[in-house]
Each structure stands twice: as structure tokens, then as C-alpha cells.
Amino acid sequence: MTGREQFETDLSDIKEDIMALSNASVDALRKAIDALYNQDLNLANSVIDEDKRVDKQEHAINDQTILLIARQQPVATDLRRLVISLQITTDIERMADNAKNIAKSTCHLGQDHRLTIHPRIKEMRDMAINMNETAMRAFQYEDVSIAGKLSAMDDKVDRLYERIVSDLLSETATNPEKIQYVMQMAFSARYIERFSDHITNIGESILYLVKGESYKLN
């Protein structure tokens, strides 16, 4: 195998590892919201525990990427591709952190709180997961037309977040004794909104990779 062929193989391995890390962050978000709706503290705690594994995976990808840069000393697009891989990995790890924080909100509320979880938080989660699928497809194929769709998708998440917060503020006004509940719901919605913001960061990284210029999608 030539040096170039080995480089392409190593680069492909890094890309696959990044996509696996992305799947782990989405799985964490899905479980965290399920735990919130079902008052499932065991599931919430498993999300918190598994975040350590995501952190280890992030470190492993970073080490692998830095080693490849040091060994191959790439230039131009090859170097940009590896630097972008580091940035995307960081965003994915922070996405998982937001899922972990939702799980912590579930733990704060505890079991048998007899409160109704805002029905649109699950809708917001599904929108974020759809965004991530779009981002990973753009990453896999280095497709700027797909990455560009993330801006409008993020706007929809933001609007839904604003609507949820508005609903929660109205509930606080009429039921001030529910302030702890309202706070945890607002935090959870905010964590999903931040999850989505990191996905738009990934889209921006892909645009920079392909075009060599910085773009703002958020």
C-alpha cells in the first residue's frame, strides 16, 4: 500500500469513527428525552454514565487525527479535512453533553412528580435528530448543498424552543408553585436547542472544508 493509499484509509477510518460518535450522541438524546417523559431515573443515570464513553471516544479520535497529521504532514485540502475532523468531533461531544444535562434534569424532577412533560419537547428532539442525519450525510459526501439546509432546519428548532418557553412562562404565571418543574422543562428545551446549534456548527465546518471560506448557518 502506497503512502497515499494508507492516508486515505486512515482518513476513512477517522470519518467512520466520527459518524459512530454522532450516532452515540443521538442515542443519548433519544434516551434522555424518553427518560424525561417516563420518569425513568435508571435510564437517565445510564445516559449520564455513558457520557464518559463518548468522552473517551472523542479523545481517541483526536489522538488518531493528530497522529495522522504528524505522520503524514498533509497540506492544503488534506490538512483542512483533518482539522475540520477535530472541530466536528468537539461539536459532537458537546451535543452528548447536552443530552447528559437533560438526563440530569430528569433526576432533579425525580420519580412520581405527577407533572405533565411539555408535549412539544419530544417534537423538538425529533427535529434535532433529523438535523443530525442531514449533517452526517453532508459530512459523509462533503456536500455543501445538503449542509446548507441546516440553517432553515435550525430556525425551526429555534422557533419551537421560543414557543415552548412562552408556554412555560404562562404556566408559571398561573401556577407559581410549579417553578421547579418549569425551570427543568426550560433547561431541557434549551439543551436541545444547543444540541441543534452544534449541528449547525458541523454544517459550517463542512462548508469551510469544501469552499475554504467561513459561513454562518446559525
N, C-alpha and C. Protein backbone atom coordinates (compact mmCIF):
# COMPACT_ATOMS: atom_id res chain seq x y z
N MET A 1 0.84 -1.19 0.00
CA MET A 1 0.00 0.00 0.00
C MET A 1 0.88 1.25 0.00
N THR A 2 0.61 2.18 -0.93
CA THR A 2 1.40 3.41 -1.01
C THR A 2 1.06 4.33 0.15
N GLY A 3 1.90 5.36 0.34
CA GLY A 3 1.66 6.32 1.40
C GLY A 3 0.33 7.02 1.24
N ARG A 4 -0.03 7.33 -0.01
CA ARG A 4 -1.30 8.00 -0.27
C ARG A 4 -2.48 7.08 0.05
N GLU A 5 -2.35 5.83 -0.35
CA GLU A 5 -3.42 4.86 -0.08
C GLU A 5 -3.60 4.67 1.42
N GLN A 6 -2.50 4.63 2.17
CA GLN A 6 -2.59 4.48 3.62
C GLN A 6 -3.25 5.70 4.25
N PHE A 7 -2.90 6.87 3.73
CA PHE A 7 -3.51 8.11 4.23
C PHE A 7 -5.01 8.09 4.01
N GLU A 8 -5.45 7.70 2.83
CA GLU A 8 -6.88 7.65 2.51
C GLU A 8 -7.59 6.64 3.41
N THR A 9 -6.94 5.51 3.68
CA THR A 9 -7.52 4.50 4.56
C THR A 9 -7.68 5.04 5.98
N ASP A 10 -6.62 5.69 6.48
CA ASP A 10 -6.67 6.25 7.83
C ASP A 10 -7.72 7.35 7.93
N LEU A 11 -7.82 8.16 6.91
CA LEU A 11 -8.80 9.23 6.88
C LEU A 11 -10.22 8.67 6.88
N SER A 12 -10.42 7.60 6.12
CA SER A 12 -11.73 6.95 6.09
C SER A 12 -12.09 6.37 7.45
N ASP A 13 -11.11 5.81 8.14
CA ASP A 13 -11.35 5.26 9.48
C ASP A 13 -11.78 6.36 10.45
N ILE A 14 -11.14 7.51 10.35
CA ILE A 14 -11.49 8.63 11.22
C ILE A 14 -12.92 9.09 10.94
N LYS A 15 -13.27 9.16 9.66
CA LYS A 15 -14.62 9.59 9.30
C LYS A 15 -15.66 8.60 9.85
N GLU A 16 -15.39 7.33 9.75
CA GLU A 16 -16.32 6.33 10.28
C GLU A 16 -16.44 6.44 11.79
N ASP A 17 -15.34 6.70 12.47
CA ASP A 17 -15.37 6.86 13.92
C ASP A 17 -16.18 8.10 14.32
N ILE A 18 -16.05 9.16 13.54
CA ILE A 18 -16.82 10.38 13.83
C ILE A 18 -18.31 10.12 13.65
N MET A 19 -18.67 9.40 12.62
CA MET A 19 -20.09 9.10 12.41
C MET A 19 -20.63 8.18 13.49
N ALA A 20 -19.80 7.28 13.99
CA ALA A 20 -20.22 6.42 15.11
C ALA A 20 -20.41 7.25 16.37
N LEU A 21 -19.53 8.23 16.58
CA LEU A 21 -19.67 9.13 17.73
C LEU A 21 -20.95 9.94 17.61
N SER A 22 -21.27 10.37 16.41
CA SER A 22 -22.51 11.10 16.18
C SER A 22 -23.72 10.24 16.53
N ASN A 23 -23.69 8.98 16.12
CA ASN A 23 -24.79 8.07 16.47
C ASN A 23 -24.94 7.92 17.97
N ALA A 24 -23.81 7.91 18.68
CA ALA A 24 -23.84 7.78 20.14
C ALA A 24 -24.48 9.02 20.78
N SER A 25 -24.19 10.19 20.25
CA SER A 25 -24.77 11.41 20.81
C SER A 25 -26.28 11.46 20.56
N VAL A 26 -26.71 11.02 19.40
CA VAL A 26 -28.14 10.98 19.08
C VAL A 26 -28.84 9.95 19.96
N ASP A 27 -28.21 8.82 20.17
CA ASP A 27 -28.78 7.79 21.03
C ASP A 27 -28.95 8.34 22.46
N ALA A 28 -27.96 9.13 22.90
CA ALA A 28 -28.04 9.73 24.24
C ALA A 28 -29.21 10.71 24.32
N LEU A 29 -29.40 11.51 23.27
CA LEU A 29 -30.52 12.47 23.27
C LEU A 29 -31.85 11.73 23.28
N ARG A 30 -31.96 10.71 22.45
CA ARG A 30 -33.21 9.95 22.39
C ARG A 30 -33.54 9.33 23.75
N LYS A 31 -32.56 8.72 24.38
CA LYS A 31 -32.78 8.09 25.69
C LYS A 31 -33.07 9.13 26.76
N ALA A 32 -32.38 10.28 26.70
CA ALA A 32 -32.59 11.31 27.72
C ALA A 32 -34.02 11.83 27.69
N ILE A 33 -34.56 12.04 26.50
CA ILE A 33 -35.94 12.54 26.40
C ILE A 33 -36.93 11.44 26.79
N ASP A 34 -36.66 10.21 26.42
CA ASP A 34 -37.52 9.11 26.86
C ASP A 34 -37.55 9.03 28.38
N ALA A 35 -36.38 9.19 28.99
CA ALA A 35 -36.30 9.15 30.46
C ALA A 35 -37.10 10.29 31.07
N LEU A 36 -37.05 11.46 30.44
CA LEU A 36 -37.78 12.63 30.94
C LEU A 36 -39.29 12.38 30.92
N TYR A 37 -39.79 11.84 29.81
CA TYR A 37 -41.23 11.61 29.68
C TYR A 37 -41.70 10.46 30.57
N ASN A 38 -40.86 9.46 30.75
CA ASN A 38 -41.27 8.26 31.50
C ASN A 38 -40.84 8.28 32.96
N GLN A 39 -40.23 9.39 33.39
CA GLN A 39 -39.74 9.50 34.78
C GLN A 39 -38.83 8.31 35.12
N ASP A 40 -38.00 7.95 34.16
CA ASP A 40 -37.15 6.77 34.29
C ASP A 40 -35.75 7.19 34.75
N LEU A 41 -35.54 7.14 36.06
CA LEU A 41 -34.26 7.59 36.60
C LEU A 41 -33.13 6.63 36.25
N ASN A 42 -33.43 5.35 36.12
CA ASN A 42 -32.39 4.39 35.73
C ASN A 42 -31.87 4.70 34.33
N LEU A 43 -32.78 5.00 33.42
CA LEU A 43 -32.37 5.34 32.06
C LEU A 43 -31.61 6.67 32.04
N ALA A 44 -32.08 7.63 32.83
CA ALA A 44 -31.40 8.92 32.91
C ALA A 44 -29.97 8.74 33.42
N ASN A 45 -29.81 7.93 34.45
CA ASN A 45 -28.47 7.71 35.00
C ASN A 45 -27.57 6.96 34.03
N SER A 46 -28.16 6.09 33.20
CA SER A 46 -27.35 5.38 32.20
C SER A 46 -26.82 6.35 31.15
N VAL A 47 -27.64 7.36 30.80
CA VAL A 47 -27.18 8.39 29.86
C VAL A 47 -26.01 9.16 30.45
N ILE A 48 -26.12 9.49 31.72
CA ILE A 48 -25.04 10.22 32.40
C ILE A 48 -23.77 9.39 32.44
N ASP A 49 -23.92 8.10 32.75
CA ASP A 49 -22.75 7.22 32.82
C ASP A 49 -22.10 7.01 31.46
N GLU A 50 -22.93 6.84 30.43
CA GLU A 50 -22.40 6.56 29.10
C GLU A 50 -21.73 7.77 28.47
N ASP A 51 -21.96 8.94 29.03
CA ASP A 51 -21.29 10.12 28.50
C ASP A 51 -19.78 10.01 28.66
N LYS A 52 -19.34 9.29 29.67
CA LYS A 52 -17.90 9.09 29.86
C LYS A 52 -17.32 8.30 28.68
N ARG A 53 -18.09 7.39 28.14
CA ARG A 53 -17.62 6.62 26.99
C ARG A 53 -17.51 7.52 25.76
N VAL A 54 -18.46 8.42 25.61
CA VAL A 54 -18.39 9.37 24.50
C VAL A 54 -17.14 10.23 24.62
N ASP A 55 -16.83 10.67 25.85
CA ASP A 55 -15.62 11.47 26.06
C ASP A 55 -14.37 10.68 25.65
N LYS A 56 -14.33 9.42 26.00
CA LYS A 56 -13.17 8.59 25.64
C LYS A 56 -13.08 8.42 24.13
N GLN A 57 -14.22 8.26 23.48
CA GLN A 57 -14.22 8.12 22.02
C GLN A 57 -13.72 9.41 21.36
N GLU A 58 -14.14 10.55 21.91
CA GLU A 58 -13.67 11.83 21.38
C GLU A 58 -12.16 11.93 21.49
N HIS A 59 -11.61 11.58 22.65
CA HIS A 59 -10.16 11.66 22.85
C HIS A 59 -9.43 10.72 21.88
N ALA A 60 -9.99 9.53 21.66
CA ALA A 60 -9.36 8.56 20.77
C ALA A 60 -9.32 9.09 19.33
N ILE A 61 -10.44 9.70 18.88
CA ILE A 61 -10.47 10.26 17.53
C ILE A 61 -9.47 11.41 17.40
N ASN A 62 -9.43 12.26 18.41
CA ASN A 62 -8.49 13.39 18.38
C ASN A 62 -7.04 12.90 18.31
N ASP A 63 -6.73 11.89 19.13
CA ASP A 63 -5.37 11.34 19.12
C ASP A 63 -5.02 10.75 17.76
N GLN A 64 -5.97 10.02 17.19
CA GLN A 64 -5.76 9.39 15.89
C GLN A 64 -5.55 10.46 14.80
N THR A 65 -6.33 11.54 14.88
CA THR A 65 -6.23 12.61 13.89
C THR A 65 -4.91 13.36 14.00
N ILE A 66 -4.54 13.70 15.22
CA ILE A 66 -3.28 14.42 15.44
C ILE A 66 -2.08 13.57 15.02
N LEU A 67 -2.14 12.27 15.31
CA LEU A 67 -1.07 11.37 14.90
C LEU A 67 -0.94 11.33 13.39
N LEU A 68 -2.08 11.33 12.70
CA LEU A 68 -2.05 11.30 11.24
C LEU A 68 -1.47 12.59 10.67
N ILE A 69 -1.79 13.71 11.29
CA ILE A 69 -1.21 14.99 10.85
C ILE A 69 0.30 14.97 11.04
N ALA A 70 0.74 14.49 12.21
CA ALA A 70 2.18 14.46 12.50
C ALA A 70 2.92 13.51 11.57
N ARG A 71 2.30 12.37 11.26
CA ARG A 71 2.98 11.34 10.46
C ARG A 71 3.01 11.69 8.97
N GLN A 72 1.90 12.21 8.46
CA GLN A 72 1.79 12.46 7.02
C GLN A 72 2.10 13.91 6.63
N GLN A 73 2.02 14.82 7.60
CA GLN A 73 2.25 16.24 7.34
C GLN A 73 1.48 16.71 6.09
N PRO A 74 0.17 16.56 6.10
CA PRO A 74 -0.64 16.92 4.93
C PRO A 74 -0.69 18.44 4.74
N VAL A 75 -1.04 18.84 3.54
CA VAL A 75 -1.16 20.26 3.22
C VAL A 75 -2.49 20.47 2.49
N ALA A 76 -2.82 21.74 2.31
CA ALA A 76 -4.00 22.14 1.53
C ALA A 76 -5.27 21.44 2.03
N THR A 77 -6.03 20.85 1.11
CA THR A 77 -7.33 20.27 1.46
C THR A 77 -7.19 19.11 2.44
N ASP A 78 -6.15 18.31 2.31
CA ASP A 78 -5.96 17.18 3.22
C ASP A 78 -5.81 17.66 4.66
N LEU A 79 -5.03 18.70 4.85
CA LEU A 79 -4.85 19.25 6.20
C LEU A 79 -6.15 19.85 6.71
N ARG A 80 -6.86 20.56 5.84
CA ARG A 80 -8.13 21.16 6.23
C ARG A 80 -9.13 20.07 6.63
N ARG A 81 -9.12 18.98 5.92
CA ARG A 81 -10.02 17.87 6.22
C ARG A 81 -9.78 17.32 7.63
N LEU A 82 -8.52 17.21 8.01
CA LEU A 82 -8.20 16.68 9.34
C LEU A 82 -8.51 17.69 10.44
N VAL A 83 -8.22 18.96 10.19
CA VAL A 83 -8.54 19.99 11.18
C VAL A 83 -10.04 20.08 11.40
N ILE A 84 -10.79 20.00 10.31
CA ILE A 84 -12.25 20.02 10.41
C ILE A 84 -12.76 18.81 11.18
N SER A 85 -12.11 17.67 11.01
CA SER A 85 -12.49 16.48 11.76
C SER A 85 -12.39 16.71 13.26
N LEU A 86 -11.35 17.42 13.68
CA LEU A 86 -11.18 17.75 15.10
C LEU A 86 -12.32 18.65 15.57
N GLN A 87 -12.68 19.64 14.76
CA GLN A 87 -13.75 20.56 15.13
C GLN A 87 -15.10 19.84 15.23
N ILE A 88 -15.38 19.00 14.27
CA ILE A 88 -16.65 18.28 14.26
C ILE A 88 -16.74 17.33 15.45
N THR A 89 -15.65 16.68 15.77
CA THR A 89 -15.63 15.77 16.92
C THR A 89 -15.94 16.53 18.21
N THR A 90 -15.40 17.72 18.35
CA THR A 90 -15.68 18.53 19.53
C THR A 90 -17.15 18.90 19.61
N ASP A 91 -17.75 19.28 18.49
CA ASP A 91 -19.17 19.62 18.49
C ASP A 91 -20.03 18.41 18.86
N ILE A 92 -19.68 17.25 18.35
CA ILE A 92 -20.47 16.06 18.67
C ILE A 92 -20.38 15.72 20.15
N GLU A 93 -19.19 15.86 20.73
CA GLU A 93 -19.04 15.59 22.16
C GLU A 93 -19.90 16.55 22.98
N ARG A 94 -19.97 17.81 22.55
CA ARG A 94 -20.80 18.78 23.27
C ARG A 94 -22.28 18.51 23.08
N MET A 95 -22.65 17.95 21.94
CA MET A 95 -24.03 17.51 21.75
C MET A 95 -24.39 16.46 22.79
N ALA A 96 -23.50 15.50 23.00
CA ALA A 96 -23.74 14.47 24.00
C ALA A 96 -23.81 15.06 25.40
N ASP A 97 -23.02 16.11 25.66
CA ASP A 97 -23.09 16.79 26.96
C ASP A 97 -24.48 17.37 27.20
N ASN A 98 -25.08 17.92 26.16
CA ASN A 98 -26.42 18.47 26.30
C ASN A 98 -27.45 17.38 26.58
N ALA A 99 -27.28 16.23 25.96
CA ALA A 99 -28.16 15.09 26.27
C ALA A 99 -27.99 14.68 27.73
N LYS A 100 -26.76 14.66 28.19
CA LYS A 100 -26.48 14.32 29.59
C LYS A 100 -27.17 15.32 30.53
N ASN A 101 -27.16 16.59 30.17
CA ASN A 101 -27.79 17.60 31.02
C ASN A 101 -29.30 17.43 31.10
N ILE A 102 -29.91 16.97 30.01
CA ILE A 102 -31.35 16.66 30.05
C ILE A 102 -31.60 15.51 31.03
N ALA A 103 -30.74 14.51 31.00
CA ALA A 103 -30.87 13.40 31.93
C ALA A 103 -30.75 13.89 33.38
N LYS A 104 -29.88 14.86 33.61
CA LYS A 104 -29.75 15.43 34.94
C LYS A 104 -31.02 16.16 35.36
N SER A 105 -31.69 16.82 34.41
CA SER A 105 -32.96 17.47 34.72
C SER A 105 -34.00 16.45 35.16
N THR A 106 -34.00 15.29 34.50
CA THR A 106 -34.91 14.21 34.89
C THR A 106 -34.64 13.79 36.33
N CYS A 107 -33.38 13.69 36.68
CA CYS A 107 -33.01 13.31 38.05
C CYS A 107 -33.44 14.38 39.05
N HIS A 108 -33.35 15.65 38.66
CA HIS A 108 -33.78 16.73 39.55
C HIS A 108 -35.28 16.65 39.82
N LEU A 109 -36.06 16.33 38.79
CA LEU A 109 -37.51 16.22 38.97
C LEU A 109 -37.87 15.01 39.80
N GLY A 110 -37.10 13.93 39.69
CA GLY A 110 -37.35 12.72 40.46
C GLY A 110 -38.51 11.90 39.92
N GLN A 111 -38.81 10.84 40.59
CA GLN A 111 -39.90 9.96 40.18
C GLN A 111 -41.23 10.41 40.79
N ASP A 112 -42.32 10.02 40.13
CA ASP A 112 -43.67 10.28 40.64
C ASP A 112 -43.93 11.76 40.91
N HIS A 113 -43.43 12.63 40.01
CA HIS A 113 -43.66 14.05 40.23
C HIS A 113 -45.05 14.49 39.77
N ARG A 114 -45.76 13.61 39.05
CA ARG A 114 -47.15 13.85 38.63
C ARG A 114 -47.30 15.14 37.82
N LEU A 115 -46.27 15.46 37.07
CA LEU A 115 -46.31 16.63 36.22
C LEU A 115 -46.33 16.18 34.76
N THR A 116 -46.96 16.96 33.93
CA THR A 116 -47.04 16.63 32.50
C THR A 116 -45.87 17.27 31.77
N ILE A 117 -45.07 16.44 31.14
CA ILE A 117 -43.95 16.96 30.37
C ILE A 117 -44.49 17.64 29.11
N HIS A 118 -43.95 18.81 28.81
CA HIS A 118 -44.44 19.56 27.64
C HIS A 118 -44.39 18.66 26.41
N PRO A 119 -45.52 18.50 25.71
CA PRO A 119 -45.58 17.53 24.60
C PRO A 119 -44.67 17.87 23.42
N ARG A 120 -44.29 19.12 23.28
CA ARG A 120 -43.52 19.51 22.09
C ARG A 120 -42.02 19.35 22.28
N ILE A 121 -41.59 19.00 23.50
CA ILE A 121 -40.17 18.74 23.70
C ILE A 121 -39.74 17.52 22.88
N LYS A 122 -40.59 16.52 22.82
CA LYS A 122 -40.27 15.34 22.01
C LYS A 122 -40.22 15.71 20.52
N GLU A 123 -41.11 16.59 20.10
CA GLU A 123 -41.08 17.06 18.71
C GLU A 123 -39.78 17.79 18.42
N MET A 124 -39.35 18.59 19.38
CA MET A 124 -38.09 19.32 19.23
C MET A 124 -36.92 18.36 19.12
N ARG A 125 -36.94 17.32 19.93
CA ARG A 125 -35.89 16.30 19.85
C ARG A 125 -35.84 15.67 18.47
N ASP A 126 -37.00 15.31 17.94
CA ASP A 126 -37.04 14.64 16.64
C ASP A 126 -36.51 15.56 15.53
N MET A 127 -36.77 16.85 15.66
CA MET A 127 -36.25 17.80 14.69
C MET A 127 -34.72 17.86 14.77
N ALA A 128 -34.20 17.82 15.99
CA ALA A 128 -32.74 17.85 16.17
C ALA A 128 -32.10 16.59 15.59
N ILE A 129 -32.74 15.45 15.80
CA ILE A 129 -32.21 14.20 15.26
C ILE A 129 -32.22 14.23 13.73
N ASN A 130 -33.27 14.78 13.16
CA ASN A 130 -33.33 14.91 11.70
C ASN A 130 -32.23 15.83 11.18
N MET A 131 -31.97 16.90 11.93
CA MET A 131 -30.86 17.79 11.58
C MET A 131 -29.54 17.04 11.57
N ASN A 132 -29.33 16.23 12.58
CA ASN A 132 -28.07 15.50 12.67
C ASN A 132 -27.90 14.52 11.51
N GLU A 133 -28.98 13.87 11.13
CA GLU A 133 -28.91 12.96 9.98
C GLU A 133 -28.50 13.72 8.72
N THR A 134 -29.05 14.92 8.56
CA THR A 134 -28.70 15.75 7.41
C THR A 134 -27.23 16.15 7.46
N ALA A 135 -26.76 16.55 8.65
CA ALA A 135 -25.37 16.97 8.80
C ALA A 135 -24.40 15.82 8.51
N MET A 136 -24.73 14.63 8.99
CA MET A 136 -23.84 13.49 8.78
C MET A 136 -23.82 13.06 7.31
N ARG A 137 -24.94 13.24 6.63
CA ARG A 137 -24.97 12.94 5.19
C ARG A 137 -24.09 13.95 4.45
N ALA A 138 -24.18 15.20 4.85
CA ALA A 138 -23.33 16.23 4.24
C ALA A 138 -21.86 15.95 4.52
N PHE A 139 -21.57 15.50 5.74
CA PHE A 139 -20.19 15.19 6.13
C PHE A 139 -19.66 13.99 5.34
N GLN A 140 -20.47 12.97 5.22
CA GLN A 140 -20.05 11.76 4.53
C GLN A 140 -19.69 12.05 3.08
N TYR A 141 -20.51 12.86 2.42
CA TYR A 141 -20.30 13.11 0.99
C TYR A 141 -19.66 14.48 0.70
N GLU A 142 -19.35 15.22 1.76
CA GLU A 142 -18.78 16.57 1.62
C GLU A 142 -19.63 17.39 0.65
N ASP A 143 -20.92 17.42 0.95
CA ASP A 143 -21.92 18.02 0.07
C ASP A 143 -22.42 19.33 0.67
N VAL A 144 -22.04 20.45 0.06
CA VAL A 144 -22.41 21.75 0.61
C VAL A 144 -23.90 22.05 0.43
N SER A 145 -24.52 21.48 -0.59
CA SER A 145 -25.95 21.72 -0.80
C SER A 145 -26.76 21.11 0.32
N ILE A 146 -26.33 19.97 0.82
CA ILE A 146 -27.01 19.34 1.96
C ILE A 146 -26.72 20.13 3.24
N ALA A 147 -25.46 20.51 3.43
CA ALA A 147 -25.08 21.28 4.63
C ALA A 147 -25.84 22.59 4.71
N GLY A 148 -26.10 23.21 3.57
CA GLY A 148 -26.80 24.48 3.55
C GLY A 148 -28.23 24.40 4.05
N LYS A 149 -28.83 23.22 4.02
CA LYS A 149 -30.20 23.04 4.50
C LYS A 149 -30.31 23.20 6.01
N LEU A 150 -29.20 23.08 6.72
CA LEU A 150 -29.23 23.09 8.17
C LEU A 150 -29.67 24.43 8.75
N SER A 151 -29.43 25.51 8.03
CA SER A 151 -29.82 26.83 8.53
C SER A 151 -31.33 26.93 8.74
N ALA A 152 -32.10 26.56 7.73
CA ALA A 152 -33.56 26.63 7.84
C ALA A 152 -34.08 25.63 8.88
N MET A 153 -33.44 24.48 8.96
CA MET A 153 -33.85 23.48 9.94
C MET A 153 -33.61 24.00 11.37
N ASP A 154 -32.47 24.67 11.56
CA ASP A 154 -32.17 25.23 12.88
C ASP A 154 -33.15 26.33 13.25
N ASP A 155 -33.57 27.12 12.27
CA ASP A 155 -34.55 28.17 12.53
C ASP A 155 -35.85 27.58 13.07
N LYS A 156 -36.26 26.44 12.54
CA LYS A 156 -37.48 25.78 13.01
C LYS A 156 -37.32 25.31 14.45
N VAL A 157 -36.16 24.79 14.77
CA VAL A 157 -35.91 24.37 16.16
C VAL A 157 -35.97 25.58 17.08
N ASP A 158 -35.36 26.68 16.66
CA ASP A 158 -35.37 27.89 17.48
C ASP A 158 -36.78 28.40 17.72
N ARG A 159 -37.60 28.39 16.69
CA ARG A 159 -38.99 28.87 16.84
C ARG A 159 -39.77 27.97 17.78
N LEU A 160 -39.55 26.68 17.69
CA LEU A 160 -40.25 25.76 18.59
C LEU A 160 -39.78 25.97 20.03
N TYR A 161 -38.49 26.20 20.20
CA TYR A 161 -37.95 26.48 21.54
C TYR A 161 -38.62 27.72 22.13
N GLU A 162 -38.73 28.78 21.34
CA GLU A 162 -39.37 30.01 21.82
C GLU A 162 -40.83 29.77 22.21
N ARG A 163 -41.51 28.94 21.44
CA ARG A 163 -42.91 28.65 21.75
C ARG A 163 -43.03 27.87 23.05
N ILE A 164 -42.14 26.91 23.25
CA ILE A 164 -42.16 26.12 24.48
C ILE A 164 -41.90 27.02 25.69
N VAL A 165 -40.90 27.88 25.59
CA VAL A 165 -40.58 28.78 26.71
C VAL A 165 -41.75 29.71 26.99
N SER A 166 -42.41 30.20 25.95
CA SER A 166 -43.57 31.06 26.13
C SER A 166 -44.68 30.32 26.88
N ASP A 167 -44.91 29.07 26.50
CA ASP A 167 -45.92 28.26 27.19
C ASP A 167 -45.55 28.07 28.67
N LEU A 168 -44.27 27.84 28.91
CA LEU A 168 -43.82 27.59 30.29
C LEU A 168 -43.94 28.85 31.14
N LEU A 169 -43.65 30.00 30.57
CA LEU A 169 -43.79 31.26 31.31
C LEU A 169 -45.25 31.51 31.67
N SER A 170 -46.14 31.17 30.76
CA SER A 170 -47.58 31.32 31.04
C SER A 170 -48.00 30.42 32.18
N GLU A 171 -47.43 29.22 32.20
CA GLU A 171 -47.77 28.28 33.27
C GLU A 171 -47.24 28.75 34.61
N THR A 172 -46.08 29.36 34.61
CA THR A 172 -45.52 29.89 35.84
C THR A 172 -46.40 31.00 36.40
N ALA A 173 -46.95 31.82 35.50
CA ALA A 173 -47.79 32.93 35.93
C ALA A 173 -49.06 32.44 36.63
N THR A 174 -49.59 31.31 36.16
CA THR A 174 -50.84 30.80 36.74
C THR A 174 -50.62 29.76 37.83
N ASN A 175 -49.42 29.13 37.82
CA ASN A 175 -49.11 28.10 38.82
C ASN A 175 -47.70 28.32 39.37
N PRO A 176 -47.50 29.34 40.18
CA PRO A 176 -46.16 29.66 40.67
C PRO A 176 -45.51 28.53 41.47
N GLU A 177 -46.32 27.61 42.00
CA GLU A 177 -45.76 26.51 42.77
C GLU A 177 -45.02 25.50 41.88
N LYS A 178 -45.18 25.64 40.57
CA LYS A 178 -44.53 24.72 39.63
C LYS A 178 -43.19 25.26 39.12
N ILE A 179 -42.61 26.18 39.82
CA ILE A 179 -41.41 26.84 39.30
C ILE A 179 -40.27 25.87 39.04
N GLN A 180 -40.09 24.86 39.91
CA GLN A 180 -39.01 23.89 39.71
C GLN A 180 -39.25 23.09 38.42
N TYR A 181 -40.50 22.70 38.23
CA TYR A 181 -40.86 21.97 37.01
C TYR A 181 -40.60 22.82 35.78
N VAL A 182 -41.05 24.07 35.82
CA VAL A 182 -40.89 24.96 34.68
C VAL A 182 -39.41 25.17 34.37
N MET A 183 -38.60 25.32 35.40
CA MET A 183 -37.17 25.51 35.19
C MET A 183 -36.54 24.32 34.47
N GLN A 184 -36.87 23.10 34.93
CA GLN A 184 -36.28 21.91 34.32
C GLN A 184 -36.77 21.71 32.89
N MET A 185 -38.03 22.05 32.61
CA MET A 185 -38.54 21.96 31.25
C MET A 185 -37.83 22.97 30.35
N ALA A 186 -37.66 24.20 30.86
CA ALA A 186 -36.99 25.23 30.08
C ALA A 186 -35.53 24.84 29.83
N PHE A 187 -34.88 24.29 30.85
CA PHE A 187 -33.50 23.83 30.68
C PHE A 187 -33.43 22.75 29.61
N SER A 188 -34.34 21.79 29.67
CA SER A 188 -34.32 20.67 28.72
C SER A 188 -34.51 21.15 27.29
N ALA A 189 -35.46 22.06 27.10
CA ALA A 189 -35.67 22.62 25.76
C ALA A 189 -34.43 23.39 25.30
N ARG A 190 -33.82 24.11 26.22
CA ARG A 190 -32.60 24.86 25.89
C ARG A 190 -31.46 23.91 25.50
N TYR A 191 -31.36 22.78 26.18
CA TYR A 191 -30.29 21.82 25.85
C TYR A 191 -30.49 21.24 24.45
N ILE A 192 -31.74 21.01 24.06
CA ILE A 192 -31.99 20.53 22.70
C ILE A 192 -31.64 21.62 21.69
N GLU A 193 -31.99 22.85 22.02
CA GLU A 193 -31.65 23.97 21.14
C GLU A 193 -30.14 24.09 20.97
N ARG A 194 -29.40 23.89 22.04
CA ARG A 194 -27.94 23.93 21.96
C ARG A 194 -27.41 22.72 21.18
N PHE A 195 -28.02 21.57 21.36
CA PHE A 195 -27.68 20.38 20.59
C PHE A 195 -27.74 20.71 19.10
N SER A 196 -28.83 21.38 18.71
CA SER A 196 -29.02 21.74 17.30
C SER A 196 -28.01 22.78 16.84
N ASP A 197 -27.66 23.71 17.73
CA ASP A 197 -26.66 24.72 17.36
C ASP A 197 -25.32 24.07 17.01
N HIS A 198 -24.95 23.04 17.75
CA HIS A 198 -23.70 22.35 17.45
C HIS A 198 -23.77 21.64 16.09
N ILE A 199 -24.97 21.21 15.72
CA ILE A 199 -25.14 20.58 14.41
C ILE A 199 -24.93 21.62 13.30
N THR A 200 -25.43 22.84 13.52
CA THR A 200 -25.18 23.88 12.51
C THR A 200 -23.69 24.21 12.45
N ASN A 201 -22.99 24.10 13.58
CA ASN A 201 -21.54 24.28 13.56
C ASN A 201 -20.88 23.25 12.65
N ILE A 202 -21.39 22.02 12.71
CA ILE A 202 -20.86 20.97 11.83
C ILE A 202 -21.09 21.34 10.37
N GLY A 203 -22.27 21.86 10.08
CA GLY A 203 -22.56 22.30 8.72
C GLY A 203 -21.61 23.39 8.26
N GLU A 204 -21.32 24.33 9.16
CA GLU A 204 -20.37 25.40 8.83
C GLU A 204 -18.97 24.84 8.57
N SER A 205 -18.60 23.83 9.35
CA SER A 205 -17.29 23.19 9.15
C SER A 205 -17.21 22.52 7.78
N ILE A 206 -18.29 21.89 7.36
CA ILE A 206 -18.32 21.23 6.06
C ILE A 206 -18.22 22.26 4.94
N LEU A 207 -18.92 23.37 5.09
CA LEU A 207 -18.84 24.43 4.09
C LEU A 207 -17.42 24.99 3.99
N TYR A 208 -16.77 25.15 5.13
CA TYR A 208 -15.39 25.64 5.12
C TYR A 208 -14.46 24.62 4.47
N LEU A 209 -14.69 23.35 4.78
CA LEU A 209 -13.86 22.29 4.19
C LEU A 209 -13.91 22.33 2.67
N VAL A 210 -15.09 22.43 2.13
CA VAL A 210 -15.26 22.34 0.67
C VAL A 210 -14.90 23.65 -0.01
N LYS A 211 -15.35 24.77 0.55
CA LYS A 211 -15.19 26.06 -0.12
C LYS A 211 -13.98 26.86 0.32
N GLY A 212 -13.42 26.48 1.52
CA GLY A 212 -12.25 27.21 2.01
C GLY A 212 -12.59 28.59 2.54
N GLU A 213 -13.87 28.84 2.81
CA GLU A 213 -14.32 30.13 3.37
C GLU A 213 -15.27 29.87 4.52
N SER A 214 -15.32 30.82 5.45
CA SER A 214 -16.18 30.68 6.61
C SER A 214 -17.61 31.13 6.27
N TYR A 215 -18.59 30.35 6.73
CA TYR A 215 -20.01 30.68 6.53
C TYR A 215 -20.72 30.53 7.87
N LYS A 216 -21.79 31.32 8.05
CA LYS A 216 -22.59 31.23 9.26
C LYS A 216 -23.97 30.65 8.91
N LEU A 217 -24.30 29.55 9.57
CA LEU A 217 -25.62 28.96 9.38
C LEU A 217 -26.54 29.24 10.57
N ASN A 218 -25.95 29.55 11.72
CA ASN A 218 -26.74 29.76 12.94
C ASN A 218 -27.12 31.22 13.05
